Amino acid sequence: LLPNAPKWLAGIASLRGDITGIVDLRKLWNKPSSAPARAKLILLRSAKTDARAAFAVDRLGEIVTLSPHEIKFSAADFEASLPAVFGRATAAERALFLLDAENLLASLIIAD
């Protein structure tokens, strides 16, 4: 653990020579967290601000391409996680919750 770090900051990593924060989304959203010993990292970078963060995930099964008409939105479904989650979809009979990477990265503000 890093001293004086927000509870959702799981650590830091050097990715291609740049120091990047590792975010535990479960802790960010106040959910029970037990990160696996060999978590994978997904790196998100903002196209607007060049901010970036790595997110620990249990596993990555596949990348799914969705058309706009496949994405559903109901504010009642997402009010606890807005603005990071912007919609949901179904693929191969699995529910998918879609993250807005720009809003997610913007929400990771560390107070001085």
PDB file of N, CA and C in Angstrom:
ATOM      1  N   LEU A   1       0.829  -1.185   0.000  1.00  0.00           N
ATOM      2  CA  LEU A   1       0.000   0.000   0.000  1.00  0.00           C
ATOM      3  C   LEU A   1       0.869   1.243   0.000  1.00  0.00           C
ATOM      4  N   LEU A   2       0.349   2.272  -0.632  1.00  0.00           N
ATOM      5  CA  LEU A   2       1.070   3.535  -0.695  1.00  0.00           C
ATOM      6  C   LEU A   2       0.599   4.442   0.432  1.00  0.00           C
ATOM      7  N   PRO A   3       1.521   5.090   1.138  1.00  0.00           N
ATOM      8  CA  PRO A   3       1.109   5.983   2.229  1.00  0.00           C
ATOM      9  C   PRO A   3       0.293   7.164   1.708  1.00  0.00           C
ATOM     10  N   ASN A   4      -0.763   7.519   2.447  1.00  0.00           N
ATOM     11  CA  ASN A   4      -1.629   8.666   2.137  1.00  0.00           C
ATOM     12  C   ASN A   4      -2.310   8.577   0.780  1.00  0.00           C
ATOM     13  N   ALA A   5      -2.414   7.384   0.230  1.00  0.00           N
ATOM     14  CA  ALA A   5      -3.052   7.207  -1.078  1.00  0.00           C
ATOM     15  C   ALA A   5      -4.545   6.957  -0.894  1.00  0.00           C
ATOM     16  N   PRO A   6      -5.351   7.315  -1.893  1.00  0.00           N
ATOM     17  CA  PRO A   6      -6.779   6.985  -1.822  1.00  0.00           C
ATOM     18  C   PRO A   6      -6.953   5.474  -1.737  1.00  0.00           C
ATOM     19  N   LYS A   7      -8.028   5.027  -1.119  1.00  0.00           N
ATOM     20  CA  LYS A   7      -8.228   3.585  -0.914  1.00  0.00           C
ATOM     21  C   LYS A   7      -8.323   2.809  -2.218  1.00  0.00           C
ATOM     22  N   TRP A   8      -8.734   3.460  -3.294  1.00  0.00           N
ATOM     23  CA  TRP A   8      -8.892   2.772  -4.571  1.00  0.00           C
ATOM     24  C   TRP A   8      -7.579   2.628  -5.344  1.00  0.00           C
ATOM     25  N   LEU A   9      -6.505   3.291  -4.896  1.00  0.00           N
ATOM     26  CA  LEU A   9      -5.224   3.182  -5.576  1.00  0.00           C
ATOM     27  C   LEU A   9      -4.512   1.929  -5.087  1.00  0.00           C
ATOM     28  N   ALA A  10      -4.491   0.907  -5.930  1.00  0.00           N
ATOM     29  CA  ALA A  10      -3.928  -0.383  -5.550  1.00  0.00           C
ATOM     30  C   ALA A  10      -2.403  -0.384  -5.593  1.00  0.00           C
ATOM     31  N   GLY A  11      -1.821   0.550  -6.311  1.00  0.00           N
ATOM     32  CA  GLY A  11      -0.369   0.615  -6.415  1.00  0.00           C
ATOM     33  C   GLY A  11       0.028   1.424  -7.621  1.00  0.00           C
ATOM     34  N   ILE A  12       1.294   1.309  -7.985  1.00  0.00           N
ATOM     35  CA  ILE A  12       1.803   1.983  -9.174  1.00  0.00           C
ATOM     36  C   ILE A  12       2.616   0.979  -9.974  1.00  0.00           C
ATOM     37  N   ALA A  13       2.767   1.271 -11.258  1.00  0.00           N
ATOM     38  CA  ALA A  13       3.552   0.403 -12.128  1.00  0.00           C
ATOM     39  C   ALA A  13       4.324   1.262 -13.116  1.00  0.00           C
ATOM     40  N   SER A  14       5.433   0.749 -13.559  1.00  0.00           N
ATOM     41  CA  SER A  14       6.191   1.401 -14.606  1.00  0.00           C
ATOM     42  C   SER A  14       5.799   0.725 -15.911  1.00  0.00           C
ATOM     43  N   LEU A  15       5.098   1.471 -16.753  1.00  0.00           N
ATOM     44  CA  LEU A  15       4.667   0.943 -18.050  1.00  0.00           C
ATOM     45  C   LEU A  15       5.372   1.715 -19.150  1.00  0.00           C
ATOM     46  N   ARG A  16       6.290   1.039 -19.811  1.00  0.00           N
ATOM     47  CA  ARG A  16       7.098   1.665 -20.866  1.00  0.00           C
ATOM     48  C   ARG A  16       7.820   2.915 -20.369  1.00  0.00           C
ATOM     49  N   GLY A  17       8.288   2.843 -19.124  1.00  0.00           N
ATOM     50  CA  GLY A  17       9.066   3.932 -18.550  1.00  0.00           C
ATOM     51  C   GLY A  17       8.265   5.028 -17.879  1.00  0.00           C
ATOM     52  N   ASP A  18       6.938   4.981 -17.958  1.00  0.00           N
ATOM     53  CA  ASP A  18       6.088   5.979 -17.315  1.00  0.00           C
ATOM     54  C   ASP A  18       5.424   5.365 -16.089  1.00  0.00           C
ATOM     55  N   ILE A  19       5.411   6.125 -14.984  1.00  0.00           N
ATOM     56  CA  ILE A  19       4.749   5.665 -13.767  1.00  0.00           C
ATOM     57  C   ILE A  19       3.243   5.859 -13.928  1.00  0.00           C
ATOM     58  N   THR A  20       2.482   4.804 -13.688  1.00  0.00           N
ATOM     59  CA  THR A  20       1.033   4.818 -13.879  1.00  0.00           C
ATOM     60  C   THR A  20       0.367   4.252 -12.637  1.00  0.00           C
ATOM     61  N   GLY A  21      -0.693   4.896 -12.180  1.00  0.00           N
ATOM     62  CA  GLY A  21      -1.460   4.396 -11.047  1.00  0.00           C
ATOM     63  C   GLY A  21      -2.301   3.191 -11.435  1.00  0.00           C
ATOM     64  N   ILE A  22      -2.428   2.250 -10.494  1.00  0.00           N
ATOM     65  CA  ILE A  22      -3.266   1.068 -10.704  1.00  0.00           C
ATOM     66  C   ILE A  22      -4.511   1.227  -9.849  1.00  0.00           C
ATOM     67  N   VAL A  23      -5.665   1.209 -10.483  1.00  0.00           N
ATOM     68  CA  VAL A  23      -6.940   1.464  -9.830  1.00  0.00           C
ATOM     69  C   VAL A  23      -7.682   0.155  -9.573  1.00  0.00           C
ATOM     70  N   ASP A  24      -8.190   0.014  -8.356  1.00  0.00           N
ATOM     71  CA  ASP A  24      -9.064  -1.097  -7.999  1.00  0.00           C
ATOM     72  C   ASP A  24     -10.500  -0.570  -8.091  1.00  0.00           C
ATOM     73  N   LEU A  25     -11.204  -0.910  -9.168  1.00  0.00           N
ATOM     74  CA  LEU A  25     -12.562  -0.392  -9.375  1.00  0.00           C
ATOM     75  C   LEU A  25     -13.524  -0.808  -8.276  1.00  0.00           C
ATOM     76  N   ARG A  26     -13.322  -1.991  -7.714  1.00  0.00           N
ATOM     77  CA  ARG A  26     -14.216  -2.424  -6.636  1.00  0.00           C
ATOM     78  C   ARG A  26     -14.120  -1.464  -5.446  1.00  0.00           C
ATOM     79  N   LYS A  27     -12.915  -1.088  -5.090  1.00  0.00           N
ATOM     80  CA  LYS A  27     -12.744  -0.152  -3.976  1.00  0.00           C
ATOM     81  C   LYS A  27     -13.228   1.245  -4.351  1.00  0.00           C
ATOM     82  N   LEU A  28     -13.015   1.642  -5.606  1.00  0.00           N
ATOM     83  CA  LEU A  28     -13.483   2.947  -6.058  1.00  0.00           C
ATOM     84  C   LEU A  28     -14.992   3.062  -5.897  1.00  0.00           C
ATOM     85  N   TRP A  29     -15.709   1.973  -6.176  1.00  0.00           N
ATOM     86  CA  TRP A  29     -17.169   1.967  -6.095  1.00  0.00           C
ATOM     87  C   TRP A  29     -17.674   1.381  -4.777  1.00  0.00           C
ATOM     88  N   ASN A  30     -16.794   1.286  -3.776  1.00  0.00           N
ATOM     89  CA  ASN A  30     -17.154   0.789  -2.434  1.00  0.00           C
ATOM     90  C   ASN A  30     -17.801  -0.591  -2.465  1.00  0.00           C
ATOM     91  N   LYS A  31     -17.229  -1.490  -3.247  1.00  0.00           N
ATOM     92  CA  LYS A  31     -17.682  -2.879  -3.328  1.00  0.00           C
ATOM     93  C   LYS A  31     -16.644  -3.762  -2.644  1.00  0.00           C
ATOM     94  N   PRO A  32     -17.037  -4.944  -2.182  1.00  0.00           N
ATOM     95  CA  PRO A  32     -16.047  -5.863  -1.599  1.00  0.00           C
ATOM     96  C   PRO A  32     -14.938  -6.155  -2.612  1.00  0.00           C
ATOM     97  N   SER A  33     -13.705  -6.147  -2.142  1.00  0.00           N
ATOM     98  CA  SER A  33     -12.573  -6.319  -3.046  1.00  0.00           C
ATOM     99  C   SER A  33     -11.637  -7.405  -2.548  1.00  0.00           C
ATOM    100  N   SER A  34     -11.300  -8.276  -3.449  1.00  0.00           N
ATOM    101  CA  SER A  34     -10.262  -9.269  -3.179  1.00  0.00           C
ATOM    102  C   SER A  34      -9.545  -9.518  -4.498  1.00  0.00           C
ATOM    103  N   ALA A  35      -8.564  -8.675  -4.768  1.00  0.00           N
ATOM    104  CA  ALA A  35      -7.849  -8.753  -6.035  1.00  0.00           C
ATOM    105  C   ALA A  35      -7.123 -10.090  -6.150  1.00  0.00           C
ATOM    106  N   PRO A  36      -7.231 -10.736  -7.294  1.00  0.00           N
ATOM    107  CA  PRO A  36      -6.520 -12.006  -7.484  1.00  0.00           C
ATOM    108  C   PRO A  36      -5.017 -11.785  -7.470  1.00  0.00           C
ATOM    109  N   ALA A  37      -4.286 -12.827  -7.117  1.00  0.00           N
ATOM    110  CA  ALA A  37      -2.834 -12.715  -7.006  1.00  0.00           C
ATOM    111  C   ALA A  37      -2.192 -12.334  -8.344  1.00  0.00           C
ATOM    112  N   ARG A  38      -2.793 -12.757  -9.433  1.00  0.00           N
ATOM    113  CA  ARG A  38      -2.216 -12.489 -10.750  1.00  0.00           C
ATOM    114  C   ARG A  38      -3.200 -11.689 -11.605  1.00  0.00           C
ATOM    115  N   ALA A  39      -3.604 -10.549 -11.120  1.00  0.00           N
ATOM    116  CA  ALA A  39      -4.539  -9.696 -11.857  1.00  0.00           C
ATOM    117  C   ALA A  39      -3.883  -9.190 -13.145  1.00  0.00           C
ATOM    118  N   LYS A  40      -4.674  -9.029 -14.150  1.00  0.00           N
ATOM    119  CA  LYS A  40      -4.226  -8.431 -15.405  1.00  0.00           C
ATOM    120  C   LYS A  40      -4.516  -6.931 -15.333  1.00  0.00           C
ATOM    121  N   LEU A  41      -3.809  -6.168 -16.120  1.00  0.00           N
ATOM    122  CA  LEU A  41      -4.019  -4.729 -16.145  1.00  0.00           C
ATOM    123  C   LEU A  41      -4.503  -4.296 -17.519  1.00  0.00           C
ATOM    124  N   ILE A  42      -5.497  -3.403 -17.510  1.00  0.00           N
ATOM    125  CA  ILE A  42      -5.957  -2.769 -18.739  1.00  0.00           C
ATOM    126  C   ILE A  42      -5.612  -1.297 -18.605  1.00  0.00           C
ATOM    127  N   LEU A  43      -4.918  -0.753 -19.582  1.00  0.00           N
ATOM    128  CA  LEU A  43      -4.502   0.638 -19.546  1.00  0.00           C
ATOM    129  C   LEU A  43      -5.486   1.479 -20.349  1.00  0.00           C
ATOM    130  N   LEU A  44      -6.016   2.529 -19.701  1.00  0.00           N
ATOM    131  CA  LEU A  44      -6.886   3.484 -20.383  1.00  0.00           C
ATOM    132  C   LEU A  44      -6.170   4.826 -20.442  1.00  0.00           C
ATOM    133  N   ARG A  45      -6.260   5.468 -21.590  1.00  0.00           N
ATOM    134  CA  ARG A  45      -5.660   6.788 -21.760  1.00  0.00           C
ATOM    135  C   ARG A  45      -6.714   7.728 -22.321  1.00  0.00           C
ATOM    136  N   SER A  46      -6.805   8.900 -21.739  1.00  0.00           N
ATOM    137  CA  SER A  46      -7.753   9.911 -22.197  1.00  0.00           C
ATOM    138  C   SER A  46      -7.260  10.542 -23.489  1.00  0.00           C
ATOM    139  N   ALA A  47      -8.126  10.591 -24.481  1.00  0.00           N
ATOM    140  CA  ALA A  47      -7.787  11.264 -25.732  1.00  0.00           C
ATOM    141  C   ALA A  47      -7.790  12.773 -25.552  1.00  0.00           C
ATOM    142  N   LYS A  48      -8.534  13.258 -24.562  1.00  0.00           N
ATOM    143  CA  LYS A  48      -8.655  14.704 -24.341  1.00  0.00           C
ATOM    144  C   LYS A  48      -7.502  15.271 -23.519  1.00  0.00           C
ATOM    145  N   THR A  49      -7.113  14.568 -22.448  1.00  0.00           N
ATOM    146  CA  THR A  49      -6.129  15.133 -21.518  1.00  0.00           C
ATOM    147  C   THR A  49      -4.827  14.347 -21.449  1.00  0.00           C
ATOM    148  N   ASP A  50      -4.744  13.218 -22.103  1.00  0.00           N
ATOM    149  CA  ASP A  50      -3.595  12.312 -22.053  1.00  0.00           C
ATOM    150  C   ASP A  50      -3.390  11.703 -20.669  1.00  0.00           C
ATOM    151  N   ALA A  51      -4.374  11.874 -19.764  1.00  0.00           N
ATOM    152  CA  ALA A  51      -4.310  11.202 -18.463  1.00  0.00           C
ATOM    153  C   ALA A  51      -4.446   9.703 -18.710  1.00  0.00           C
ATOM    154  N   ARG A  52      -3.859   8.910 -17.816  1.00  0.00           N
ATOM    155  CA  ARG A  52      -3.992   7.464 -17.982  1.00  0.00           C
ATOM    156  C   ARG A  52      -3.960   6.780 -16.630  1.00  0.00           C
ATOM    157  N   ALA A  53      -4.504   5.581 -16.616  1.00  0.00           N
ATOM    158  CA  ALA A  53      -4.488   4.748 -15.418  1.00  0.00           C
ATOM    159  C   ALA A  53      -4.612   3.298 -15.861  1.00  0.00           C
ATOM    160  N   ALA A  54      -4.083   2.420 -15.044  1.00  0.00           N
ATOM    161  CA  ALA A  54      -4.218   0.987 -15.277  1.00  0.00           C
ATOM    162  C   ALA A  54      -5.289   0.461 -14.326  1.00  0.00           C
ATOM    163  N   PHE A  55      -6.115  -0.428 -14.806  1.00  0.00           N
ATOM    164  CA  PHE A  55      -7.196  -0.995 -14.013  1.00  0.00           C
ATOM    165  C   PHE A  55      -6.979  -2.493 -13.871  1.00  0.00           C
ATOM    166  N   ALA A  56      -6.969  -2.945 -12.617  1.00  0.00           N
ATOM    167  CA  ALA A  56      -6.794  -4.366 -12.342  1.00  0.00           C
ATOM    168  C   ALA A  56      -8.094  -5.095 -12.677  1.00  0.00           C
ATOM    169  N   VAL A  57      -7.995  -6.151 -13.461  1.00  0.00           N
ATOM    170  CA  VAL A  57      -9.161  -6.954 -13.826  1.00  0.00           C
ATOM    171  C   VAL A  57      -8.870  -8.415 -13.493  1.00  0.00           C
ATOM    172  N   ASP A  58      -9.930  -9.144 -13.173  1.00  0.00           N
ATOM    173  CA  ASP A  58      -9.773 -10.571 -12.869  1.00  0.00           C
ATOM    174  C   ASP A  58      -9.337 -11.337 -14.115  1.00  0.00           C
ATOM    175  N   ARG A  59     -10.024 -11.016 -15.210  1.00  0.00           N
ATOM    176  CA  ARG A  59      -9.682 -11.678 -16.466  1.00  0.00           C
ATOM    177  C   ARG A  59     -10.267 -10.864 -17.614  1.00  0.00           C
ATOM    178  N   LEU A  60      -9.741 -11.086 -18.801  1.00  0.00           N
ATOM    179  CA  LEU A  60     -10.270 -10.487 -20.015  1.00  0.00           C
ATOM    180  C   LEU A  60     -10.567 -11.638 -20.958  1.00  0.00           C
ATOM    181  N   GLY A  61     -11.842 -11.845 -21.213  1.00  0.00           N
ATOM    182  CA  GLY A  61     -12.236 -12.974 -22.048  1.00  0.00           C
ATOM    183  C   GLY A  61     -12.213 -12.662 -23.528  1.00  0.00           C
ATOM    184  N   GLU A  62     -12.704 -11.481 -23.886  1.00  0.00           N
ATOM    185  CA  GLU A  62     -12.750 -11.107 -25.284  1.00  0.00           C
ATOM    186  C   GLU A  62     -13.071  -9.624 -25.413  1.00  0.00           C
ATOM    187  N   ILE A  63     -12.845  -9.107 -26.582  1.00  0.00           N
ATOM    188  CA  ILE A  63     -13.232  -7.742 -26.902  1.00  0.00           C
ATOM    189  C   ILE A  63     -14.460  -7.838 -27.797  1.00  0.00           C
ATOM    190  N   VAL A  64     -15.504  -7.102 -27.429  1.00  0.00           N
ATOM    191  CA  VAL A  64     -16.777  -7.173 -28.139  1.00  0.00           C
ATOM    192  C   VAL A  64     -17.028  -5.851 -28.833  1.00  0.00           C
ATOM    193  N   THR A  65     -17.406  -5.898 -30.100  1.00  0.00           N
ATOM    194  CA  THR A  65     -17.791  -4.702 -30.841  1.00  0.00           C
ATOM    195  C   THR A  65     -19.310  -4.604 -30.825  1.00  0.00           C
ATOM    196  N   LEU A  66     -19.813  -3.443 -30.415  1.00  0.00           N
ATOM    197  CA  LEU A  66     -21.255  -3.228 -30.328  1.00  0.00           C
ATOM    198  C   LEU A  66     -21.667  -2.097 -31.249  1.00  0.00           C
ATOM    199  N   SER A  67     -22.845  -2.222 -31.822  1.00  0.00           N
ATOM    200  CA  SER A  67     -23.407  -1.108 -32.591  1.00  0.00           C
ATOM    201  C   SER A  67     -24.218  -0.242 -31.631  1.00  0.00           C
ATOM    202  N   PRO A  68     -24.435   1.024 -31.966  1.00  0.00           N
ATOM    203  CA  PRO A  68     -25.179   1.910 -31.055  1.00  0.00           C
ATOM    204  C   PRO A  68     -26.564   1.390 -30.674  1.00  0.00           C
ATOM    205  N   HIS A  69     -27.254   0.701 -31.569  1.00  0.00           N
ATOM    206  CA  HIS A  69     -28.600   0.221 -31.223  1.00  0.00           C
ATOM    207  C   HIS A  69     -28.592  -0.952 -30.239  1.00  0.00           C
ATOM    208  N   GLU A  70     -27.433  -1.563 -29.995  1.00  0.00           N
ATOM    209  CA  GLU A  70     -27.329  -2.657 -29.025  1.00  0.00           C
ATOM    210  C   GLU A  70     -27.115  -2.146 -27.598  1.00  0.00           C
ATOM    211  N   ILE A  71     -26.817  -0.862 -27.448  1.00  0.00           N
ATOM    212  CA  ILE A  71     -26.529  -0.284 -26.137  1.00  0.00           C
ATOM    213  C   ILE A  71     -27.802   0.280 -25.532  1.00  0.00           C
ATOM    214  N   LYS A  72     -28.094  -0.141 -24.316  1.00  0.00           N
ATOM    215  CA  LYS A  72     -29.284   0.314 -23.586  1.00  0.00           C
ATOM    216  C   LYS A  72     -28.836   1.203 -22.441  1.00  0.00           C
ATOM    217  N   PHE A  73     -29.685   2.153 -22.063  1.00  0.00           N
ATOM    218  CA  PHE A  73     -29.363   3.021 -20.940  1.00  0.00           C
ATOM    219  C   PHE A  73     -30.599   3.250 -20.088  1.00  0.00           C
ATOM    220  N   SER A  74     -30.427   3.073 -18.784  1.00  0.00           N
ATOM    221  CA  SER A  74     -31.459   3.391 -17.812  1.00  0.00           C
ATOM    222  C   SER A  74     -30.743   4.002 -16.611  1.00  0.00           C
ATOM    223  N   ALA A  75     -31.021   5.253 -16.328  1.00  0.00           N
ATOM    224  CA  ALA A  75     -30.337   5.932 -15.219  1.00  0.00           C
ATOM    225  C   ALA A  75     -30.501   5.186 -13.904  1.00  0.00           C
ATOM    226  N   ALA A  76     -31.642   4.541 -13.687  1.00  0.00           N
ATOM    227  CA  ALA A  76     -31.870   3.804 -12.442  1.00  0.00           C
ATOM    228  C   ALA A  76     -30.870   2.656 -12.285  1.00  0.00           C
ATOM    229  N   ASP A  77     -30.441   2.075 -13.398  1.00  0.00           N
ATOM    230  CA  ASP A  77     -29.475   0.969 -13.341  1.00  0.00           C
ATOM    231  C   ASP A  77     -28.092   1.430 -12.914  1.00  0.00           C
ATOM    232  N   PHE A  78     -27.761   2.688 -13.177  1.00  0.00           N
ATOM    233  CA  PHE A  78     -26.379   3.122 -13.047  1.00  0.00           C
ATOM    234  C   PHE A  78     -26.147   4.263 -12.072  1.00  0.00           C
ATOM    235  N   GLU A  79     -27.149   4.707 -11.343  1.00  0.00           N
ATOM    236  CA  GLU A  79     -26.965   5.910 -10.526  1.00  0.00           C
ATOM    237  C   GLU A  79     -25.856   5.765  -9.496  1.00  0.00           C
ATOM    238  N   ALA A  80     -25.573   4.567  -9.026  1.00  0.00           N
ATOM    239  CA  ALA A  80     -24.501   4.381  -8.039  1.00  0.00           C
ATOM    240  C   ALA A  80     -23.112   4.489  -8.664  1.00  0.00           C
ATOM    241  N   SER A  81     -23.011   4.300  -9.977  1.00  0.00           N
ATOM    242  CA  SER A  81     -21.691   4.308 -10.603  1.00  0.00           C
ATOM    243  C   SER A  81     -21.532   5.384 -11.674  1.00  0.00           C
ATOM    244  N   LEU A  82     -22.522   6.251 -11.820  1.00  0.00           N
ATOM    245  CA  LEU A  82     -22.365   7.357 -12.771  1.00  0.00           C
ATOM    246  C   LEU A  82     -21.265   8.273 -12.274  1.00  0.00           C
ATOM    247  N   PRO A  83     -20.463   8.890 -13.105  1.00  0.00           N
ATOM    248  CA  PRO A  83     -20.561   8.971 -14.546  1.00  0.00           C
ATOM    249  C   PRO A  83     -19.751   7.917 -15.287  1.00  0.00           C
ATOM    250  N   ALA A  84     -19.161   6.952 -14.592  1.00  0.00           N
ATOM    251  CA  ALA A  84     -18.266   6.003 -15.246  1.00  0.00           C
ATOM    252  C   ALA A  84     -18.994   4.995 -16.126  1.00  0.00           C
ATOM    253  N   VAL A  85     -20.157   4.515 -15.716  1.00  0.00           N
ATOM    254  CA  VAL A  85     -20.906   3.546 -16.509  1.00  0.00           C
ATOM    255  C   VAL A  85     -21.945   4.299 -17.323  1.00  0.00           C
ATOM    256  N   PHE A  86     -21.946   4.082 -18.641  1.00  0.00           N
ATOM    257  CA  PHE A  86     -22.884   4.841 -19.461  1.00  0.00           C
ATOM    258  C   PHE A  86     -23.948   3.980 -20.123  1.00  0.00           C
ATOM    259  N   GLY A  87     -23.834   2.674 -20.037  1.00  0.00           N
ATOM    260  CA  GLY A  87     -24.838   1.836 -20.682  1.00  0.00           C
ATOM    261  C   GLY A  87     -24.599   0.369 -20.409  1.00  0.00           C
ATOM    262  N   ARG A  88     -25.483  -0.436 -20.987  1.00  0.00           N
ATOM    263  CA  ARG A  88     -25.328  -1.883 -20.866  1.00  0.00           C
ATOM    264  C   ARG A  88     -25.733  -2.520 -22.176  1.00  0.00           C
ATOM    265  N   ALA A  89     -25.287  -3.743 -22.350  1.00  0.00           N
ATOM    266  CA  ALA A  89     -25.609  -4.501 -23.555  1.00  0.00           C
ATOM    267  C   ALA A  89     -25.565  -5.979 -23.196  1.00  0.00           C
ATOM    268  N   THR A  90     -25.982  -6.795 -24.119  1.00  0.00           N
ATOM    269  CA  THR A  90     -25.927  -8.241 -23.941  1.00  0.00           C
ATOM    270  C   THR A  90     -25.142  -8.824 -25.111  1.00  0.00           C
ATOM    271  N   ALA A  91     -24.195  -9.690 -24.811  1.00  0.00           N
ATOM    272  CA  ALA A  91     -23.420 -10.377 -25.842  1.00  0.00           C
ATOM    273  C   ALA A  91     -23.221 -11.813 -25.396  1.00  0.00           C
ATOM    274  N   ALA A  92     -23.550 -12.745 -26.256  1.00  0.00           N
ATOM    275  CA  ALA A  92     -23.436 -14.174 -25.943  1.00  0.00           C
ATOM    276  C   ALA A  92     -24.134 -14.505 -24.627  1.00  0.00           C
ATOM    277  N   GLU A  93     -25.316 -13.910 -24.441  1.00  0.00           N
ATOM    278  CA  GLU A  93     -26.151 -14.122 -23.256  1.00  0.00           C
ATOM    279  C   GLU A  93     -25.518 -13.662 -21.948  1.00  0.00           C
ATOM    280  N   ARG A  94     -24.532 -12.782 -22.039  1.00  0.00           N
ATOM    281  CA  ARG A  94     -23.897 -12.208 -20.848  1.00  0.00           C
ATOM    282  C   ARG A  94     -24.211 -10.724 -20.793  1.00  0.00           C
ATOM    283  N   ALA A  95     -24.473 -10.239 -19.586  1.00  0.00           N
ATOM    284  CA  ALA A  95     -24.707  -8.804 -19.400  1.00  0.00           C
ATOM    285  C   ALA A  95     -23.374  -8.080 -19.390  1.00  0.00           C
ATOM    286  N   LEU A  96     -23.297  -6.980 -20.113  1.00  0.00           N
ATOM    287  CA  LEU A  96     -22.096  -6.156 -20.176  1.00  0.00           C
ATOM    288  C   LEU A  96     -22.431  -4.764 -19.666  1.00  0.00           C
ATOM    289  N   PHE A  97     -21.619  -4.236 -18.766  1.00  0.00           N
ATOM    290  CA  PHE A  97     -21.769  -2.869 -18.302  1.00  0.00           C
ATOM    291  C   PHE A  97     -20.653  -2.073 -18.953  1.00  0.00           C
ATOM    292  N   LEU A  98     -21.005  -0.996 -19.623  1.00  0.00           N
ATOM    293  CA  LEU A  98     -20.073  -0.244 -20.454  1.00  0.00           C
ATOM    294  C   LEU A  98     -19.534   0.971 -19.726  1.00  0.00           C
ATOM    295  N   LEU A  99     -18.227   1.077 -19.682  1.00  0.00           N
ATOM    296  CA  LEU A  99     -17.563   2.182 -18.985  1.00  0.00           C
ATOM    297  C   LEU A  99     -17.268   3.328 -19.943  1.00  0.00           C
ATOM    298  N   ASP A 100     -17.441   4.540 -19.463  1.00  0.00           N
ATOM    299  CA  ASP A 100     -17.036   5.730 -20.189  1.00  0.00           C
ATOM    300  C   ASP A 100     -15.633   6.071 -19.703  1.00  0.00           C
ATOM    301  N   ALA A 101     -14.631   5.745 -20.496  1.00  0.00           N
ATOM    302  CA  ALA A 101     -13.238   5.893 -20.072  1.00  0.00           C
ATOM    303  C   ALA A 101     -12.890   7.340 -19.740  1.00  0.00           C
ATOM    304  N   GLU A 102     -13.373   8.289 -20.511  1.00  0.00           N
ATOM    305  CA  GLU A 102     -13.067   9.702 -20.245  1.00  0.00           C
ATOM    306  C   GLU A 102     -13.604  10.125 -18.878  1.00  0.00           C
ATOM    307  N   ASN A 103     -14.867   9.815 -18.589  1.00  0.00           N
ATOM    308  CA  ASN A 103     -15.459  10.197 -17.294  1.00  0.00           C
ATOM    309  C   ASN A 103     -14.833   9.434 -16.146  1.00  0.00           C
ATOM    310  N   LEU A 104     -14.492   8.174 -16.370  1.00  0.00           N
ATOM    311  CA  LEU A 104     -13.847   7.379 -15.329  1.00  0.00           C
ATOM    312  C   LEU A 104     -12.507   7.982 -14.949  1.00  0.00           C
ATOM    313  N   LEU A 105     -11.693   8.307 -15.928  1.00  0.00           N
ATOM    314  CA  LEU A 105     -10.393   8.905 -15.636  1.00  0.00           C
ATOM    315  C   LEU A 105     -10.543  10.283 -14.990  1.00  0.00           C
ATOM    316  N   ALA A 106     -11.512  11.062 -15.430  1.00  0.00           N
ATOM    317  CA  ALA A 106     -11.727  12.393 -14.853  1.00  0.00           C
ATOM    318  C   ALA A 106     -12.178  12.303 -13.400  1.00  0.00           C
ATOM    319  N   SER A 107     -12.833  11.195 -13.019  1.00  0.00           N
ATOM    320  CA  SER A 107     -13.333  11.051 -11.648  1.00  0.00           C
ATOM    321  C   SER A 107     -12.229  10.656 -10.664  1.00  0.00           C
ATOM    322  N   LEU A 108     -11.069  10.302 -11.157  1.00  0.00           N
ATOM    323  CA  LEU A 108      -9.962   9.865 -10.301  1.00  0.00           C
ATOM    324  C   LEU A 108      -9.126  11.056  -9.847  1.00  0.00           C
ATOM    325  N   ILE A 109      -9.720  11.925  -9.071  1.00  0.00           N
ATOM    326  CA  ILE A 109      -9.032  13.120  -8.601  1.00  0.00           C
ATOM    327  C   ILE A 109      -8.443  12.823  -7.224  1.00  0.00           C
ATOM    328  N   ILE A 110      -7.173  13.094  -7.079  1.00  0.00           N
ATOM    329  CA  ILE A 110      -6.506  12.888  -5.797  1.00  0.00           C
ATOM    330  C   ILE A 110      -6.386  14.249  -5.124  1.00  0.00           C
ATOM    331  N   ALA A 111      -7.002  14.362  -3.951  1.00  0.00           N
ATOM    332  CA  ALA A 111      -6.937  15.635  -3.204  1.00  0.00           C
ATOM    333  C   ALA A 111      -5.539  15.825  -2.652  1.00  0.00           C
ATOM    334  N   ASP A 112      -5.090  17.080  -2.607  1.00  0.00           N
ATOM    335  CA  ASP A 112      -3.770  17.390  -2.041  1.00  0.00           C
ATOM    336  C   ASP A 112      -3.822  17.374  -0.533  1.00  0.00           C
TER     337      ASP A 112
END
